[in-house]
Amino acid sequence: YHGGHISGVGYLKLPKNFGGTYQLSKKHNQNGKIALVHGAKMFNS
């Protein structure tokens, strides 16, 4: 996390692709993605 009050991220350049998963059966490919996290997984949240 960061200091201050507000943080942000912007994208200026991206690779042509982020590459595949090692296991082709994977339903989601997270390569190169950003994840924002808050709290813990709960019902309807």
All heavy atoms as atom14 arrays in JSON, in Angstrom:
{
  "sequence": "YHGGHISGVGYLKLPKNFGGTYQLSKKHNQNGKIALVHGAKMFNS",
  "atom14_mask": [
    [1, 1, 1, 1, 1, 1, 1, 1, 1, 1, 1, 1, 0, 0],
    [1, 1, 1, 1, 1, 1, 1, 1, 1, 1, 0, 0, 0, 0],
    [1, 1, 1, 1, 0, 0, 0, 0, 0, 0, 0, 0, 0, 0],
    [1, 1, 1, 1, 0, 0, 0, 0, 0, 0, 0, 0, 0, 0],
    [1, 1, 1, 1, 1, 1, 1, 1, 1, 1, 0, 0, 0, 0],
    [1, 1, 1, 1, 1, 1, 1, 1, 0, 0, 0, 0, 0, 0],
    [1, 1, 1, 1, 1, 1, 0, 0, 0, 0, 0, 0, 0, 0],
    [1, 1, 1, 1, 0, 0, 0, 0, 0, 0, 0, 0, 0, 0],
    [1, 1, 1, 1, 1, 1, 1, 0, 0, 0, 0, 0, 0, 0],
    [1, 1, 1, 1, 0, 0, 0, 0, 0, 0, 0, 0, 0, 0],
    [1, 1, 1, 1, 1, 1, 1, 1, 1, 1, 1, 1, 0, 0],
    [1, 1, 1, 1, 1, 1, 1, 1, 0, 0, 0, 0, 0, 0],
    [1, 1, 1, 1, 1, 1, 1, 1, 1, 0, 0, 0, 0, 0],
    [1, 1, 1, 1, 1, 1, 1, 1, 0, 0, 0, 0, 0, 0],
    [1, 1, 1, 1, 1, 1, 1, 0, 0, 0, 0, 0, 0, 0],
    [1, 1, 1, 1, 1, 1, 1, 1, 1, 0, 0, 0, 0, 0],
    [1, 1, 1, 1, 1, 1, 1, 1, 0, 0, 0, 0, 0, 0],
    [1, 1, 1, 1, 1, 1, 1, 1, 1, 1, 1, 0, 0, 0],
    [1, 1, 1, 1, 0, 0, 0, 0, 0, 0, 0, 0, 0, 0],
    [1, 1, 1, 1, 0, 0, 0, 0, 0, 0, 0, 0, 0, 0],
    [1, 1, 1, 1, 1, 1, 1, 0, 0, 0, 0, 0, 0, 0],
    [1, 1, 1, 1, 1, 1, 1, 1, 1, 1, 1, 1, 0, 0],
    [1, 1, 1, 1, 1, 1, 1, 1, 1, 0, 0, 0, 0, 0],
    [1, 1, 1, 1, 1, 1, 1, 1, 0, 0, 0, 0, 0, 0],
    [1, 1, 1, 1, 1, 1, 0, 0, 0, 0, 0, 0, 0, 0],
    [1, 1, 1, 1, 1, 1, 1, 1, 1, 0, 0, 0, 0, 0],
    [1, 1, 1, 1, 1, 1, 1, 1, 1, 0, 0, 0, 0, 0],
    [1, 1, 1, 1, 1, 1, 1, 1, 1, 1, 0, 0, 0, 0],
    [1, 1, 1, 1, 1, 1, 1, 1, 0, 0, 0, 0, 0, 0],
    [1, 1, 1, 1, 1, 1, 1, 1, 1, 0, 0, 0, 0, 0],
    [1, 1, 1, 1, 1, 1, 1, 1, 0, 0, 0, 0, 0, 0],
    [1, 1, 1, 1, 0, 0, 0, 0, 0, 0, 0, 0, 0, 0],
    [1, 1, 1, 1, 1, 1, 1, 1, 1, 0, 0, 0, 0, 0],
    [1, 1, 1, 1, 1, 1, 1, 1, 0, 0, 0, 0, 0, 0],
    [1, 1, 1, 1, 1, 0, 0, 0, 0, 0, 0, 0, 0, 0],
    [1, 1, 1, 1, 1, 1, 1, 1, 0, 0, 0, 0, 0, 0],
    [1, 1, 1, 1, 1, 1, 1, 0, 0, 0, 0, 0, 0, 0],
    [1, 1, 1, 1, 1, 1, 1, 1, 1, 1, 0, 0, 0, 0],
    [1, 1, 1, 1, 0, 0, 0, 0, 0, 0, 0, 0, 0, 0],
    [1, 1, 1, 1, 1, 0, 0, 0, 0, 0, 0, 0, 0, 0],
    [1, 1, 1, 1, 1, 1, 1, 1, 1, 0, 0, 0, 0, 0],
    [1, 1, 1, 1, 1, 1, 1, 1, 0, 0, 0, 0, 0, 0],
    [1, 1, 1, 1, 1, 1, 1, 1, 1, 1, 1, 0, 0, 0],
    [1, 1, 1, 1, 1, 1, 1, 1, 0, 0, 0, 0, 0, 0],
    [1, 1, 1, 1, 1, 1, 0, 0, 0, 0, 0, 0, 0, 0]
  ],
  "atom14_positions": [
    [[0.86, -1.18, 0.0], [0.0, 0.0, 0.0], [0.9, 1.23, 0.0], [2.13, 1.13, 0.06], [-0.95, 0.01, 1.21], [-0.23, 0.01, 2.54], [0.09, 1.21, 3.18], [0.14, -1.18, 3.16], [0.76, 1.22, 4.39], [0.8, -1.18, 4.37], [1.11, 0.02, 4.98], [1.79, 0.02, 6.17], [0.0, 0.0, 0.0], [0.0, 0.0, 0.0]],
    [[0.3, 2.44, -0.05], [1.08, 3.66, -0.12], [0.71, 4.63, 1.0], [-0.25, 4.42, 1.73], [0.87, 4.35, -1.48], [1.33, 3.53, -2.64], [2.65, 3.23, -2.86], [0.65, 2.93, -3.65], [2.77, 2.49, -3.94], [1.57, 2.29, -4.44], [0.0, 0.0, 0.0], [0.0, 0.0, 0.0], [0.0, 0.0, 0.0], [0.0, 0.0, 0.0]],
    [[1.48, 5.72, 1.1], [1.17, 6.78, 2.03], [0.26, 7.83, 1.38], [-0.28, 7.61, 0.31], [0.0, 0.0, 0.0], [0.0, 0.0, 0.0], [0.0, 0.0, 0.0], [0.0, 0.0, 0.0], [0.0, 0.0, 0.0], [0.0, 0.0, 0.0], [0.0, 0.0, 0.0], [0.0, 0.0, 0.0], [0.0, 0.0, 0.0], [0.0, 0.0, 0.0]],
    [[0.14, 8.97, 2.02], [-0.72, 10.02, 1.48], [-2.19, 9.72, 1.73], [-2.56, 9.07, 2.71], [0.0, 0.0, 0.0], [0.0, 0.0, 0.0], [0.0, 0.0, 0.0], [0.0, 0.0, 0.0], [0.0, 0.0, 0.0], [0.0, 0.0, 0.0], [0.0, 0.0, 0.0], [0.0, 0.0, 0.0], [0.0, 0.0, 0.0], [0.0, 0.0, 0.0]],
    [[-3.05, 10.19, 0.83], [-4.49, 9.92, 0.93], [-5.01, 9.11, -0.25], [-5.9, 8.27, -0.09], [-5.28, 11.24, 1.01], [-5.02, 12.02, 2.25], [-4.14, 13.07, 2.31], [-5.53, 11.89, 3.51], [-4.11, 13.57, 3.52], [-4.94, 12.87, 4.28], [0.0, 0.0, 0.0], [0.0, 0.0, 0.0], [0.0, 0.0, 0.0], [0.0, 0.0, 0.0]],
    [[-4.47, 9.38, -1.44], [-4.97, 8.77, -2.67], [-3.81, 8.16, -3.44], [-2.73, 8.74, -3.53], [-5.7, 9.82, -3.54], [-6.91, 10.38, -2.8], [-6.13, 9.21, -4.87], [-7.58, 11.54, -3.51], [0.0, 0.0, 0.0], [0.0, 0.0, 0.0], [0.0, 0.0, 0.0], [0.0, 0.0, 0.0], [0.0, 0.0, 0.0], [0.0, 0.0, 0.0]],
    [[-4.05, 6.99, -4.01], [-3.07, 6.34, -4.88], [-3.69, 6.1, -6.24], [-4.91, 6.17, -6.41], [-2.61, 5.0, -4.28], [-1.86, 5.2, -3.11], [0.0, 0.0, 0.0], [0.0, 0.0, 0.0], [0.0, 0.0, 0.0], [0.0, 0.0, 0.0], [0.0, 0.0, 0.0], [0.0, 0.0, 0.0], [0.0, 0.0, 0.0], [0.0, 0.0, 0.0]],
    [[-2.85, 5.79, -7.2], [-3.37, 5.51, -8.53], [-2.33, 4.83, -9.4], [-1.14, 4.8, -9.08], [0.0, 0.0, 0.0], [0.0, 0.0, 0.0], [0.0, 0.0, 0.0], [0.0, 0.0, 0.0], [0.0, 0.0, 0.0], [0.0, 0.0, 0.0], [0.0, 0.0, 0.0], [0.0, 0.0, 0.0], [0.0, 0.0, 0.0], [0.0, 0.0, 0.0]],
    [[-2.79, 4.26, -10.5], [-1.89, 3.62, -11.46], [-2.45, 3.83, -12.87], [-3.65, 3.72, -13.09], [-1.74, 2.11, -11.16], [-3.08, 1.4, -11.16], [-0.81, 1.46, -12.16], [0.0, 0.0, 0.0], [0.0, 0.0, 0.0], [0.0, 0.0, 0.0], [0.0, 0.0, 0.0], [0.0, 0.0, 0.0], [0.0, 0.0, 0.0], [0.0, 0.0, 0.0]],
    [[-1.56, 4.18, -13.79], [-1.96, 4.37, -15.18], [-1.05, 3.55, -16.08], [0.1, 3.27, -15.74], [0.0, 0.0, 0.0], [0.0, 0.0, 0.0], [0.0, 0.0, 0.0], [0.0, 0.0, 0.0], [0.0, 0.0, 0.0], [0.0, 0.0, 0.0], [0.0, 0.0, 0.0], [0.0, 0.0, 0.0], [0.0, 0.0, 0.0], [0.0, 0.0, 0.0]],
    [[-1.56, 3.19, -17.26], [-0.82, 2.31, -18.17], [-0.45, 3.06, -19.45], [-1.31, 3.56, -20.17], [-1.66, 1.08, -18.49], [-1.83, 0.2, -17.28], [-2.94, 0.35, -16.44], [-0.87, -0.74, -16.94], [-3.08, -0.44, -15.3], [-1.01, -1.53, -15.8], [-2.11, -1.38, -14.99], [-2.24, -2.15, -13.87], [0.0, 0.0, 0.0], [0.0, 0.0, 0.0]],
    [[0.87, 3.11, -19.7], [1.42, 3.82, -20.86], [1.84, 2.87, -21.97], [1.78, 3.22, -23.15], [2.62, 4.67, -20.44], [2.39, 5.66, -19.3], [3.7, 6.35, -18.93], [1.34, 6.68, -19.69], [0.0, 0.0, 0.0], [0.0, 0.0, 0.0], [0.0, 0.0, 0.0], [0.0, 0.0, 0.0], [0.0, 0.0, 0.0], [0.0, 0.0, 0.0]],
    [[2.31, 1.68, -21.6], [2.75, 0.67, -22.55], [2.36, -0.7, -22.02], [2.32, -0.92, -20.8], [4.28, 0.72, -22.76], [4.79, 2.0, -23.37], [6.31, 1.97, -23.52], [6.75, 0.99, -24.59], [8.21, 1.05, -24.82], [0.0, 0.0, 0.0], [0.0, 0.0, 0.0], [0.0, 0.0, 0.0], [0.0, 0.0, 0.0], [0.0, 0.0, 0.0]],
    [[2.08, -1.63, -22.95], [1.75, -2.99, -22.57], [2.4, -3.96, -23.56], [2.57, -3.63, -24.74], [0.24, -3.22, -22.57], [-0.58, -2.49, -21.5], [-2.07, -2.7, -21.74], [-0.2, -2.97, -20.1], [0.0, 0.0, 0.0], [0.0, 0.0, 0.0], [0.0, 0.0, 0.0], [0.0, 0.0, 0.0], [0.0, 0.0, 0.0], [0.0, 0.0, 0.0]],
    [[2.76, -5.15, -23.1], [3.28, -6.15, -24.03], [2.19, -6.62, -24.99], [1.0, -6.44, -24.72], [3.73, -7.29, -23.1], [2.94, -7.09, -21.86], [2.72, -5.62, -21.72], [0.0, 0.0, 0.0], [0.0, 0.0, 0.0], [0.0, 0.0, 0.0], [0.0, 0.0, 0.0], [0.0, 0.0, 0.0], [0.0, 0.0, 0.0], [0.0, 0.0, 0.0]],
    [[2.6, -7.21, -26.1], [1.61, -7.71, -27.07], [0.72, -8.76, -26.45], [-0.46, -8.87, -26.78], [2.34, -8.26, -28.29], [3.1, -7.19, -29.08], [3.85, -7.8, -30.25], [4.63, -6.72, -31.0], [5.41, -7.27, -32.13], [0.0, 0.0, 0.0], [0.0, 0.0, 0.0], [0.0, 0.0, 0.0], [0.0, 0.0, 0.0], [0.0, 0.0, 0.0]],
    [[1.28, -9.57, -25.56], [0.48, -10.49, -24.77], [1.24, -10.81, -23.49], [2.45, -10.6, -23.4], [0.16, -11.78, -25.55], [1.4, -12.61, -25.82], [1.87, -13.34, -24.93], [1.94, -12.53, -27.03], [0.0, 0.0, 0.0], [0.0, 0.0, 0.0], [0.0, 0.0, 0.0], [0.0, 0.0, 0.0], [0.0, 0.0, 0.0], [0.0, 0.0, 0.0]],
    [[0.5, -11.3, -22.49], [1.1, -11.57, -21.18], [1.56, -13.02, -21.04], [2.04, -13.41, -19.98], [0.11, -11.25, -20.08], [-0.2, -9.77, -19.96], [-1.46, -9.28, -20.23], [0.79, -8.88, -19.57], [-1.74, -7.93, -20.12], [0.52, -7.53, -19.45], [-0.75, -7.05, -19.73], [0.0, 0.0, 0.0], [0.0, 0.0, 0.0], [0.0, 0.0, 0.0]],
    [[1.41, -13.81, -22.09], [1.79, -15.21, -22.02], [0.7, -16.07, -21.44], [-0.23, -15.58, -20.79], [0.0, 0.0, 0.0], [0.0, 0.0, 0.0], [0.0, 0.0, 0.0], [0.0, 0.0, 0.0], [0.0, 0.0, 0.0], [0.0, 0.0, 0.0], [0.0, 0.0, 0.0], [0.0, 0.0, 0.0], [0.0, 0.0, 0.0], [0.0, 0.0, 0.0]],
    [[0.8, -17.37, -21.67], [-0.22, -18.29, -21.21], [0.1, -18.91, -19.87], [1.15, -18.66, -19.28], [0.0, 0.0, 0.0], [0.0, 0.0, 0.0], [0.0, 0.0, 0.0], [0.0, 0.0, 0.0], [0.0, 0.0, 0.0], [0.0, 0.0, 0.0], [0.0, 0.0, 0.0], [0.0, 0.0, 0.0], [0.0, 0.0, 0.0], [0.0, 0.0, 0.0]],
    [[-0.82, -19.72, -19.38], [-0.61, -20.46, -18.14], [0.12, -21.76, -18.45], [0.02, -22.28, -19.56], [-1.95, -20.76, -17.45], [-2.78, -21.5, -18.37], [-2.67, -19.47, -17.08], [0.0, 0.0, 0.0], [0.0, 0.0, 0.0], [0.0, 0.0, 0.0], [0.0, 0.0, 0.0], [0.0, 0.0, 0.0], [0.0, 0.0, 0.0], [0.0, 0.0, 0.0]],
    [[0.85, -22.27, -17.47], [1.57, -23.52, -17.67], [0.61, -24.69, -17.85], [0.88, -25.63, -18.59], [2.52, -23.77, -16.5], [3.64, -22.75, -16.44], [3.7, -21.81, -15.41], [4.62, -22.72, -17.42], [4.72, -20.87, -15.36], [5.65, -21.78, -17.38], [5.69, -20.85, -16.35], [6.69, -19.92, -16.31], [0.0, 0.0, 0.0], [0.0, 0.0, 0.0]],
    [[-0.51, -24.64, -17.14], [-1.53, -25.67, -17.29], [-2.65, -25.12, -18.18], [-3.31, -24.14, -17.83], [-2.1, -26.07, -15.93], [-1.06, -26.66, -14.98], [-1.67, -27.04, -13.65], [-2.7, -27.73, -13.6], [-1.05, -26.6, -12.56], [0.0, 0.0, 0.0], [0.0, 0.0, 0.0], [0.0, 0.0, 0.0], [0.0, 0.0, 0.0], [0.0, 0.0, 0.0]],
    [[-2.86, -25.74, -19.31], [-3.84, -25.25, -20.28], [-5.27, -25.35, -19.77], [-6.17, -24.71, -20.31], [-3.7, -26.02, -21.6], [-2.34, -25.9, -22.29], [-2.33, -26.69, -23.59], [-1.99, -24.43, -22.57], [0.0, 0.0, 0.0], [0.0, 0.0, 0.0], [0.0, 0.0, 0.0], [0.0, 0.0, 0.0], [0.0, 0.0, 0.0], [0.0, 0.0, 0.0]],
    [[-5.49, -26.14, -18.72], [-6.84, -26.32, -18.18], [-7.28, -25.16, -17.29], [-8.44, -25.09, -16.89], [-6.91, -27.62, -17.38], [-5.99, -27.59, -16.29], [0.0, 0.0, 0.0], [0.0, 0.0, 0.0], [0.0, 0.0, 0.0], [0.0, 0.0, 0.0], [0.0, 0.0, 0.0], [0.0, 0.0, 0.0], [0.0, 0.0, 0.0], [0.0, 0.0, 0.0]],
    [[-6.36, -24.24, -16.98], [-6.71, -23.11, -16.11], [-7.78, -22.24, -16.75], [-7.7, -21.89, -17.93], [-5.47, -22.27, -15.81], [-4.41, -22.97, -14.96], [-4.92, -23.24, -13.56], [-3.83, -23.87, -12.71], [-4.31, -24.18, -11.34], [0.0, 0.0, 0.0], [0.0, 0.0, 0.0], [0.0, 0.0, 0.0], [0.0, 0.0, 0.0], [0.0, 0.0, 0.0]],
    [[-8.79, -21.85, -15.94], [-9.88, -21.03, -16.45], [-9.52, -19.55, -16.48], [-10.09, -18.78, -17.24], [-11.13, -21.24, -15.59], [-11.68, -22.65, -15.66], [-12.93, -22.78, -14.8], [-13.5, -24.2, -14.87], [-14.72, -24.34, -14.02], [0.0, 0.0, 0.0], [0.0, 0.0, 0.0], [0.0, 0.0, 0.0], [0.0, 0.0, 0.0], [0.0, 0.0, 0.0]],
    [[-8.58, -19.13, -15.62], [-8.22, -17.72, -15.54], [-6.71, -17.56, -15.67], [-5.93, -18.35, -15.15], [-8.68, -17.12, -14.2], [-10.15, -17.25, -13.96], [-11.09, -16.51, -14.65], [-10.84, -18.07, -13.12], [-12.3, -16.84, -14.23], [-12.18, -17.78, -13.31], [0.0, 0.0, 0.0], [0.0, 0.0, 0.0], [0.0, 0.0, 0.0], [0.0, 0.0, 0.0]],
    [[-6.31, -16.53, -16.39], [-4.9, -16.2, -16.56], [-4.66, -14.83, -15.92], [-5.14, -13.81, -16.41], [-4.55, -16.16, -18.05], [-3.07, -15.91, -18.3], [-2.33, -15.57, -17.38], [-2.64, -16.06, -19.54], [0.0, 0.0, 0.0], [0.0, 0.0, 0.0], [0.0, 0.0, 0.0], [0.0, 0.0, 0.0], [0.0, 0.0, 0.0], [0.0, 0.0, 0.0]],
    [[-3.9, -14.81, -14.84], [-3.68, -13.57, -14.09], [-2.42, -12.84, -14.54], [-2.11, -11.78, -13.99], [-3.57, -13.88, -12.59], [-4.71, -14.72, -12.03], [-6.02, -13.96, -11.94], [-6.26, -13.05, -12.71], [-6.86, -14.35, -11.01], [0.0, 0.0, 0.0], [0.0, 0.0, 0.0], [0.0, 0.0, 0.0], [0.0, 0.0, 0.0], [0.0, 0.0, 0.0]],
    [[-1.7, -13.35, -15.5], [-0.44, -12.75, -15.92], [-0.58, -11.26, -16.21], [-1.43, -10.84, -17.0], [0.1, -13.45, -17.17], [0.55, -14.86, -16.91], [0.55, -15.32, -15.77], [0.95, -15.57, -17.95], [0.0, 0.0, 0.0], [0.0, 0.0, 0.0], [0.0, 0.0, 0.0], [0.0, 0.0, 0.0], [0.0, 0.0, 0.0], [0.0, 0.0, 0.0]],
    [[0.29, -10.44, -15.59], [0.33, -9.02, -15.87], [-0.81, -8.19, -15.31], [-0.82, -6.97, -15.47], [0.0, 0.0, 0.0], [0.0, 0.0, 0.0], [0.0, 0.0, 0.0], [0.0, 0.0, 0.0], [0.0, 0.0, 0.0], [0.0, 0.0, 0.0], [0.0, 0.0, 0.0], [0.0, 0.0, 0.0], [0.0, 0.0, 0.0], [0.0, 0.0, 0.0]],
    [[-1.76, -8.82, -14.64], [-2.91, -8.09, -14.12], [-2.59, -7.47, -12.76], [-1.67, -7.89, -12.06], [-4.11, -9.02, -13.99], [-4.61, -9.55, -15.33], [-5.83, -10.44, -15.15], [-6.31, -10.97, -16.5], [-7.49, -11.86, -16.36], [0.0, 0.0, 0.0], [0.0, 0.0, 0.0], [0.0, 0.0, 0.0], [0.0, 0.0, 0.0], [0.0, 0.0, 0.0]],
    [[-3.36, -6.46, -12.41], [-3.25, -5.85, -11.08], [-4.47, -6.27, -10.27], [-5.58, -6.36, -10.79], [-3.15, -4.31, -11.17], [-2.97, -3.71, -9.77], [-4.36, -3.71, -11.88], [-2.68, -2.21, -9.8], [0.0, 0.0, 0.0], [0.0, 0.0, 0.0], [0.0, 0.0, 0.0], [0.0, 0.0, 0.0], [0.0, 0.0, 0.0], [0.0, 0.0, 0.0]],
    [[-4.23, -6.57, -9.0], [-5.32, -6.96, -8.11], [-5.38, -6.0, -6.93], [-4.37, -5.73, -6.29], [-5.12, -8.39, -7.61], [0.0, 0.0, 0.0], [0.0, 0.0, 0.0], [0.0, 0.0, 0.0], [0.0, 0.0, 0.0], [0.0, 0.0, 0.0], [0.0, 0.0, 0.0], [0.0, 0.0, 0.0], [0.0, 0.0, 0.0], [0.0, 0.0, 0.0]],
    [[-6.57, -5.45, -6.67], [-6.81, -4.59, -5.52], [-7.51, -5.43, -4.46], [-8.47, -6.14, -4.75], [-7.69, -3.4, -5.91], [-7.21, -2.57, -7.12], [-8.18, -1.43, -7.39], [-5.82, -2.04, -6.9], [0.0, 0.0, 0.0], [0.0, 0.0, 0.0], [0.0, 0.0, 0.0], [0.0, 0.0, 0.0], [0.0, 0.0, 0.0], [0.0, 0.0, 0.0]],
    [[-7.01, -5.35, -3.23], [-7.48, -6.23, -2.16], [-7.97, -5.42, -0.98], [-7.32, -4.47, -0.55], [-6.35, -7.18, -1.71], [-6.87, -8.16, -0.67], [-5.74, -7.93, -2.89], [0.0, 0.0, 0.0], [0.0, 0.0, 0.0], [0.0, 0.0, 0.0], [0.0, 0.0, 0.0], [0.0, 0.0, 0.0], [0.0, 0.0, 0.0], [0.0, 0.0, 0.0]],
    [[-9.14, -5.82, -0.44], [-9.67, -5.14, 0.74], [-10.46, -6.13, 1.58], [-11.4, -6.75, 1.1], [-10.58, -3.98, 0.34], [-11.14, -3.22, 1.51], [-10.37, -2.41, 2.3], [-12.39, -3.16, 2.02], [-11.11, -1.87, 3.25], [-12.34, -2.32, 3.1], [0.0, 0.0, 0.0], [0.0, 0.0, 0.0], [0.0, 0.0, 0.0], [0.0, 0.0, 0.0]],
    [[-10.08, -6.27, 2.85], [-10.83, -7.14, 3.75], [-10.67, -8.62, 3.4], [-9.68, -9.04, 2.81], [0.0, 0.0, 0.0], [0.0, 0.0, 0.0], [0.0, 0.0, 0.0], [0.0, 0.0, 0.0], [0.0, 0.0, 0.0], [0.0, 0.0, 0.0], [0.0, 0.0, 0.0], [0.0, 0.0, 0.0], [0.0, 0.0, 0.0], [0.0, 0.0, 0.0]],
    [[-11.69, -9.4, 3.76], [-11.69, -10.84, 3.51], [-12.95, -11.23, 2.76], [-13.97, -10.53, 2.82], [-11.62, -11.6, 4.84], [0.0, 0.0, 0.0], [0.0, 0.0, 0.0], [0.0, 0.0, 0.0], [0.0, 0.0, 0.0], [0.0, 0.0, 0.0], [0.0, 0.0, 0.0], [0.0, 0.0, 0.0], [0.0, 0.0, 0.0], [0.0, 0.0, 0.0]],
    [[-12.89, -12.32, 2.03], [-14.05, -12.79, 1.28], [-15.18, -13.15, 2.23], [-15.01, -13.9, 3.19], [-13.66, -14.03, 0.46], [-14.82, -14.65, -0.31], [-15.27, -13.73, -1.43], [-16.33, -14.42, -2.3], [-17.63, -14.54, -1.57], [0.0, 0.0, 0.0], [0.0, 0.0, 0.0], [0.0, 0.0, 0.0], [0.0, 0.0, 0.0], [0.0, 0.0, 0.0]],
    [[-16.35, -12.56, 1.99], [-17.53, -12.83, 2.78], [-18.72, -12.98, 1.85], [-18.65, -12.66, 0.66], [-17.78, -11.68, 3.77], [-16.7, -11.5, 4.82], [-17.04, -10.12, 5.95], [-16.7, -8.73, 4.85], [0.0, 0.0, 0.0], [0.0, 0.0, 0.0], [0.0, 0.0, 0.0], [0.0, 0.0, 0.0], [0.0, 0.0, 0.0], [0.0, 0.0, 0.0]],
    [[-19.84, -13.45, 2.39], [-21.05, -13.58, 1.59], [-21.45, -12.23, 1.0], [-21.53, -11.23, 1.7], [-22.19, -14.12, 2.45], [-23.52, -14.13, 1.74], [-23.78, -15.02, 0.71], [-24.5, -13.21, 2.08], [-24.99, -15.01, 0.04], [-25.72, -13.2, 1.42], [-25.97, -14.11, 0.39], [0.0, 0.0, 0.0], [0.0, 0.0, 0.0], [0.0, 0.0, 0.0]],
    [[-21.65, -12.19, -0.3], [-22.1, -11.0, -1.02], [-21.1, -9.85, -0.92], [-21.45, -8.69, -1.06], [-23.46, -10.54, -0.5], [-24.18, -9.65, -1.5], [-23.93, -9.76, -2.71], [-25.06, -8.79, -1.03], [0.0, 0.0, 0.0], [0.0, 0.0, 0.0], [0.0, 0.0, 0.0], [0.0, 0.0, 0.0], [0.0, 0.0, 0.0], [0.0, 0.0, 0.0]],
    [[-19.84, -10.17, -0.67], [-18.83, -9.12, -0.56], [-17.48, -9.68, -1.01], [-16.88, -10.49, -0.31], [-18.72, -8.62, 0.89], [-17.71, -7.64, 1.0], [0.0, 0.0, 0.0], [0.0, 0.0, 0.0], [0.0, 0.0, 0.0], [0.0, 0.0, 0.0], [0.0, 0.0, 0.0], [0.0, 0.0, 0.0], [0.0, 0.0, 0.0], [0.0, 0.0, 0.0]]
  ]
}
